[in-house]
Each structure stands twice: as structure tokens, then as C-alpha cells.
Amino acid sequence: MTRLRLRILFGSAMLGPGKAELLERIRDAGSISAAGRGMGMSYKRAWSLVEEMNAAFTEPLVLSARGGAGGGGAHLSPAGEAVLTHYHAVEDAAATGGAAHLAALQAMLRPDMAGGK
């Protein structure tokens, strides 16, 4: 199976499959800690990545509330939803536009490296 994973560099800012997955998991779980746990990372690492993304964009991608009596949690801002949508659109466009080249590269691989038997 061929799978395309993109890491997009914008100067010193980067958006790739790991950060996209973290955003998706925060959106789905409503929690940075749950999202991090689901990816096998510490809360500290997940929070650090969220802070990095929030600092890189003109608007924060993740909004959070501290825990306590009223709970806590996190959710994607409209900007976070838009970034995730655009990232997946770039992935789809690259996969579609590069399909012939990906197939040619795969055909050049040894069978044991290409997912063959």
C-alpha cells in the first residue's frame, strides 16, 4: 500500500501528519490530554505542540479551558478547523496529482519493500 504523508514547512513553522492527527483527536475527544494519550504522547508534549501551532498562526487553532468544578477541555477554533481542512486538501491534491509518479516509484522498489509478497 502506498501512503503519502506530507510535512509542510512555512519558514520556521511546520505542519505535518502528527500535528494534523493531534488536531483531529482534540476535535474528537474535546481534550488535549486524551488526544495525546491516544497518540502515545505525554500531556506535556501534546500541550507543547498545541502551543507551537497556536503561536505559528494568526489565530489560535486550539482553545482550552482549565479543569476544575466546571470541567475543562479543549476544542478547535474556526481557524483550527480551517487549517485541518486545508491540510487535508493539500494531501488529497498531492496524492491525486502525484499518483502516476508514486506508482512509478513503487514499481521501481524491490517487491519486499513495496508491500508485495
C-alpha atoms as a PDB file:
ATOM      1  CA  MET A   1       0.000   0.000   0.000  1.00  0.00           C
ATOM      2  CA  THR A   2       1.342   3.419  -0.937  1.00  0.00           C
ATOM      3  CA  ARG A   3       0.633   6.202   1.507  1.00  0.00           C
ATOM      4  CA  LEU A   4       1.599   9.837   1.099  1.00  0.00           C
ATOM      5  CA  ARG A   5       2.486  11.783   4.244  1.00  0.00           C
ATOM      6  CA  LEU A   6       3.205  15.489   3.854  1.00  0.00           C
ATOM      7  CA  ARG A   7       5.182  17.781   6.083  1.00  0.00           C
ATOM      8  CA  ILE A   8       4.708  21.412   5.092  1.00  0.00           C
ATOM      9  CA  LEU A   9       7.380  23.906   6.144  1.00  0.00           C
ATOM     10  CA  PHE A  10       6.490  27.589   6.355  1.00  0.00           C
ATOM     11  CA  GLY A  11       9.801  29.162   7.329  1.00  0.00           C
ATOM     12  CA  SER A  12      10.239  28.064  10.931  1.00  0.00           C
ATOM     13  CA  ALA A  13       6.651  26.804  11.289  1.00  0.00           C
ATOM     14  CA  MET A  14       5.737  23.250  10.302  1.00  0.00           C
ATOM     15  CA  LEU A  15       2.505  21.355   9.840  1.00  0.00           C
ATOM     16  CA  GLY A  16       2.583  17.643   9.231  1.00  0.00           C
ATOM     17  CA  PRO A  17       0.695  14.417   9.812  1.00  0.00           C
ATOM     18  CA  GLY A  18       1.390  14.296  13.555  1.00  0.00           C
ATOM     19  CA  LYS A  19       0.072  17.769  14.254  1.00  0.00           C
ATOM     20  CA  ALA A  20      -2.907  17.172  11.968  1.00  0.00           C
ATOM     21  CA  GLU A  21      -3.708  13.978  13.866  1.00  0.00           C
ATOM     22  CA  LEU A  22      -3.390  15.814  17.177  1.00  0.00           C
ATOM     23  CA  LEU A  23      -5.852  18.461  15.970  1.00  0.00           C
ATOM     24  CA  GLU A  24      -8.277  15.749  14.830  1.00  0.00           C
ATOM     25  CA  ARG A  25      -8.049  13.942  18.157  1.00  0.00           C
ATOM     26  CA  ILE A  26      -8.574  17.168  20.124  1.00  0.00           C
ATOM     27  CA  ARG A  27     -11.611  17.898  17.965  1.00  0.00           C
ATOM     28  CA  ASP A  28     -12.991  14.390  18.539  1.00  0.00           C
ATOM     29  CA  ALA A  29     -12.118  13.995  22.244  1.00  0.00           C
ATOM     30  CA  GLY A  30     -12.531  17.568  23.449  1.00  0.00           C
ATOM     31  CA  SER A  31      -9.325  17.172  25.433  1.00  0.00           C
ATOM     32  CA  ILE A  32      -5.624  17.769  24.846  1.00  0.00           C
ATOM     33  CA  SER A  33      -4.655  15.100  27.371  1.00  0.00           C
ATOM     34  CA  ALA A  34      -6.973  12.486  25.827  1.00  0.00           C
ATOM     35  CA  ALA A  35      -5.699  13.352  22.355  1.00  0.00           C
ATOM     36  CA  GLY A  36      -2.095  12.983  23.497  1.00  0.00           C
ATOM     37  CA  ARG A  37      -2.804   9.704  25.276  1.00  0.00           C
ATOM     38  CA  GLY A  38      -4.455   8.361  22.132  1.00  0.00           C
ATOM     39  CA  MET A  39      -1.259   9.110  20.244  1.00  0.00           C
ATOM     40  CA  GLY A  40       1.027   7.681  22.915  1.00  0.00           C
ATOM     41  CA  MET A  41       2.462  11.040  23.948  1.00  0.00           C
ATOM     42  CA  SER A  42       2.575  12.846  27.247  1.00  0.00           C
ATOM     43  CA  TYR A  43       0.253  15.707  28.075  1.00  0.00           C
ATOM     44  CA  LYS A  44       3.311  17.955  28.219  1.00  0.00           C
ATOM     45  CA  ARG A  45       4.303  17.031  24.651  1.00  0.00           C
ATOM     46  CA  ALA A  46       0.746  17.420  23.343  1.00  0.00           C
ATOM     47  CA  TRP A  47       0.403  20.799  25.073  1.00  0.00           C
ATOM     48  CA  SER A  48       3.777  21.897  23.674  1.00  0.00           C
ATOM     49  CA  LEU A  49       2.653  21.051  20.127  1.00  0.00           C
ATOM     50  CA  VAL A  50      -0.615  22.929  20.662  1.00  0.00           C
ATOM     51  CA  GLU A  51       1.278  25.981  21.920  1.00  0.00           C
ATOM     52  CA  GLU A  52       3.615  25.746  18.915  1.00  0.00           C
ATOM     53  CA  MET A  53       0.675  25.665  16.480  1.00  0.00           C
ATOM     54  CA  ASN A  54      -1.203  28.428  18.292  1.00  0.00           C
ATOM     55  CA  ALA A  55       1.894  30.647  18.142  1.00  0.00           C
ATOM     56  CA  ALA A  56       2.539  29.955  14.451  1.00  0.00           C
ATOM     57  CA  PHE A  57      -0.850  31.034  13.108  1.00  0.00           C
ATOM     58  CA  THR A  58      -2.513  34.450  13.271  1.00  0.00           C
ATOM     59  CA  GLU A  59      -5.334  32.963  15.352  1.00  0.00           C
ATOM     60  CA  PRO A  60      -5.134  30.117  17.868  1.00  0.00           C
ATOM     61  CA  LEU A  61      -6.060  26.718  16.443  1.00  0.00           C
ATOM     62  CA  VAL A  62      -6.972  25.167  19.804  1.00  0.00           C
ATOM     63  CA  LEU A  63      -8.932  26.859  22.574  1.00  0.00           C
ATOM     64  CA  SER A  64      -8.785  25.357  26.039  1.00  0.00           C
ATOM     65  CA  ALA A  65     -10.325  25.831  29.456  1.00  0.00           C
ATOM     66  CA  ARG A  66      -8.684  24.761  32.699  1.00  0.00           C
ATOM     67  CA  GLY A  67     -10.182  21.869  34.597  1.00  0.00           C
ATOM     68  CA  GLY A  68     -11.916  22.254  37.908  1.00  0.00           C
ATOM     69  CA  ALA A  69     -15.503  22.210  39.118  1.00  0.00           C
ATOM     70  CA  GLY A  70     -16.838  23.114  35.684  1.00  0.00           C
ATOM     71  CA  GLY A  71     -14.611  20.629  33.933  1.00  0.00           C
ATOM     72  CA  GLY A  72     -12.193  21.790  31.333  1.00  0.00           C
ATOM     73  CA  GLY A  73     -11.356  20.675  27.907  1.00  0.00           C
ATOM     74  CA  ALA A  74     -10.274  21.896  24.541  1.00  0.00           C
ATOM     75  CA  HIS A  75     -11.756  22.379  21.125  1.00  0.00           C
ATOM     76  CA  LEU A  76     -10.664  23.575  17.727  1.00  0.00           C
ATOM     77  CA  SER A  77     -11.294  27.188  16.882  1.00  0.00           C
ATOM     78  CA  PRO A  78     -12.740  28.058  13.473  1.00  0.00           C
ATOM     79  CA  ALA A  79      -9.138  28.705  12.401  1.00  0.00           C
ATOM     80  CA  GLY A  80      -8.149  25.236  13.646  1.00  0.00           C
ATOM     81  CA  GLU A  81     -10.951  23.633  11.654  1.00  0.00           C
ATOM     82  CA  ALA A  82      -9.887  25.618   8.572  1.00  0.00           C
ATOM     83  CA  VAL A  83      -6.212  24.657   8.947  1.00  0.00           C
ATOM     84  CA  LEU A  84      -7.162  20.993   9.237  1.00  0.00           C
ATOM     85  CA  THR A  85      -9.423  21.225   6.170  1.00  0.00           C
ATOM     86  CA  HIS A  86      -6.722  22.949   4.109  1.00  0.00           C
ATOM     87  CA  TYR A  87      -4.044  20.481   5.210  1.00  0.00           C
ATOM     88  CA  HIS A  88      -6.165  17.520   4.110  1.00  0.00           C
ATOM     89  CA  ALA A  89      -6.994  19.279   0.821  1.00  0.00           C
ATOM     90  CA  VAL A  90      -3.260  19.684   0.127  1.00  0.00           C
ATOM     91  CA  GLU A  91      -2.734  15.980   0.944  1.00  0.00           C
ATOM     92  CA  ASP A  92      -5.526  14.979  -1.430  1.00  0.00           C
ATOM     93  CA  ALA A  93      -4.255  17.248  -4.214  1.00  0.00           C
ATOM     94  CA  ALA A  94      -0.702  15.914  -3.843  1.00  0.00           C
ATOM     95  CA  ALA A  95      -1.900  12.306  -3.891  1.00  0.00           C
ATOM     96  CA  THR A  96      -4.071  12.894  -6.946  1.00  0.00           C
ATOM     97  CA  GLY A  97      -1.537  14.985  -8.841  1.00  0.00           C
ATOM     98  CA  GLY A  98       1.358  12.709  -7.960  1.00  0.00           C
ATOM     99  CA  ALA A  99      -0.394   9.355  -8.443  1.00  0.00           C
ATOM    100  CA  ALA A 100       1.475   8.432 -11.640  1.00  0.00           C
ATOM    101  CA  HIS A 101       4.839   9.362 -10.124  1.00  0.00           C
ATOM    102  CA  LEU A 102       4.047   7.460  -6.923  1.00  0.00           C
ATOM    103  CA  ALA A 103       3.117   4.383  -8.969  1.00  0.00           C
ATOM    104  CA  ALA A 104       6.339   4.683 -10.980  1.00  0.00           C
ATOM    105  CA  LEU A 105       8.393   4.937  -7.786  1.00  0.00           C
ATOM    106  CA  GLN A 106       6.602   1.966  -6.270  1.00  0.00           C
ATOM    107  CA  ALA A 107       7.207  -0.091  -9.425  1.00  0.00           C
ATOM    108  CA  MET A 108      10.938   0.564  -9.005  1.00  0.00           C
ATOM    109  CA  LEU A 109      11.007  -0.851  -5.460  1.00  0.00           C
ATOM    110  CA  ARG A 110      12.034  -4.386  -4.623  1.00  0.00           C
ATOM    111  CA  PRO A 111       8.874  -6.451  -4.013  1.00  0.00           C
ATOM    112  CA  ASP A 112       9.693  -6.969  -0.332  1.00  0.00           C
ATOM    113  CA  MET A 113       9.949  -3.188   0.125  1.00  0.00           C
ATOM    114  CA  ALA A 114       6.791  -2.324  -1.838  1.00  0.00           C
ATOM    115  CA  GLY A 115       4.354  -4.312   0.259  1.00  0.00           C
ATOM    116  CA  GLY A 116       4.489  -7.289  -2.080  1.00  0.00           C
ATOM    117  CA  LYS A 117       4.921 -10.926  -1.103  1.00  0.00           C
END
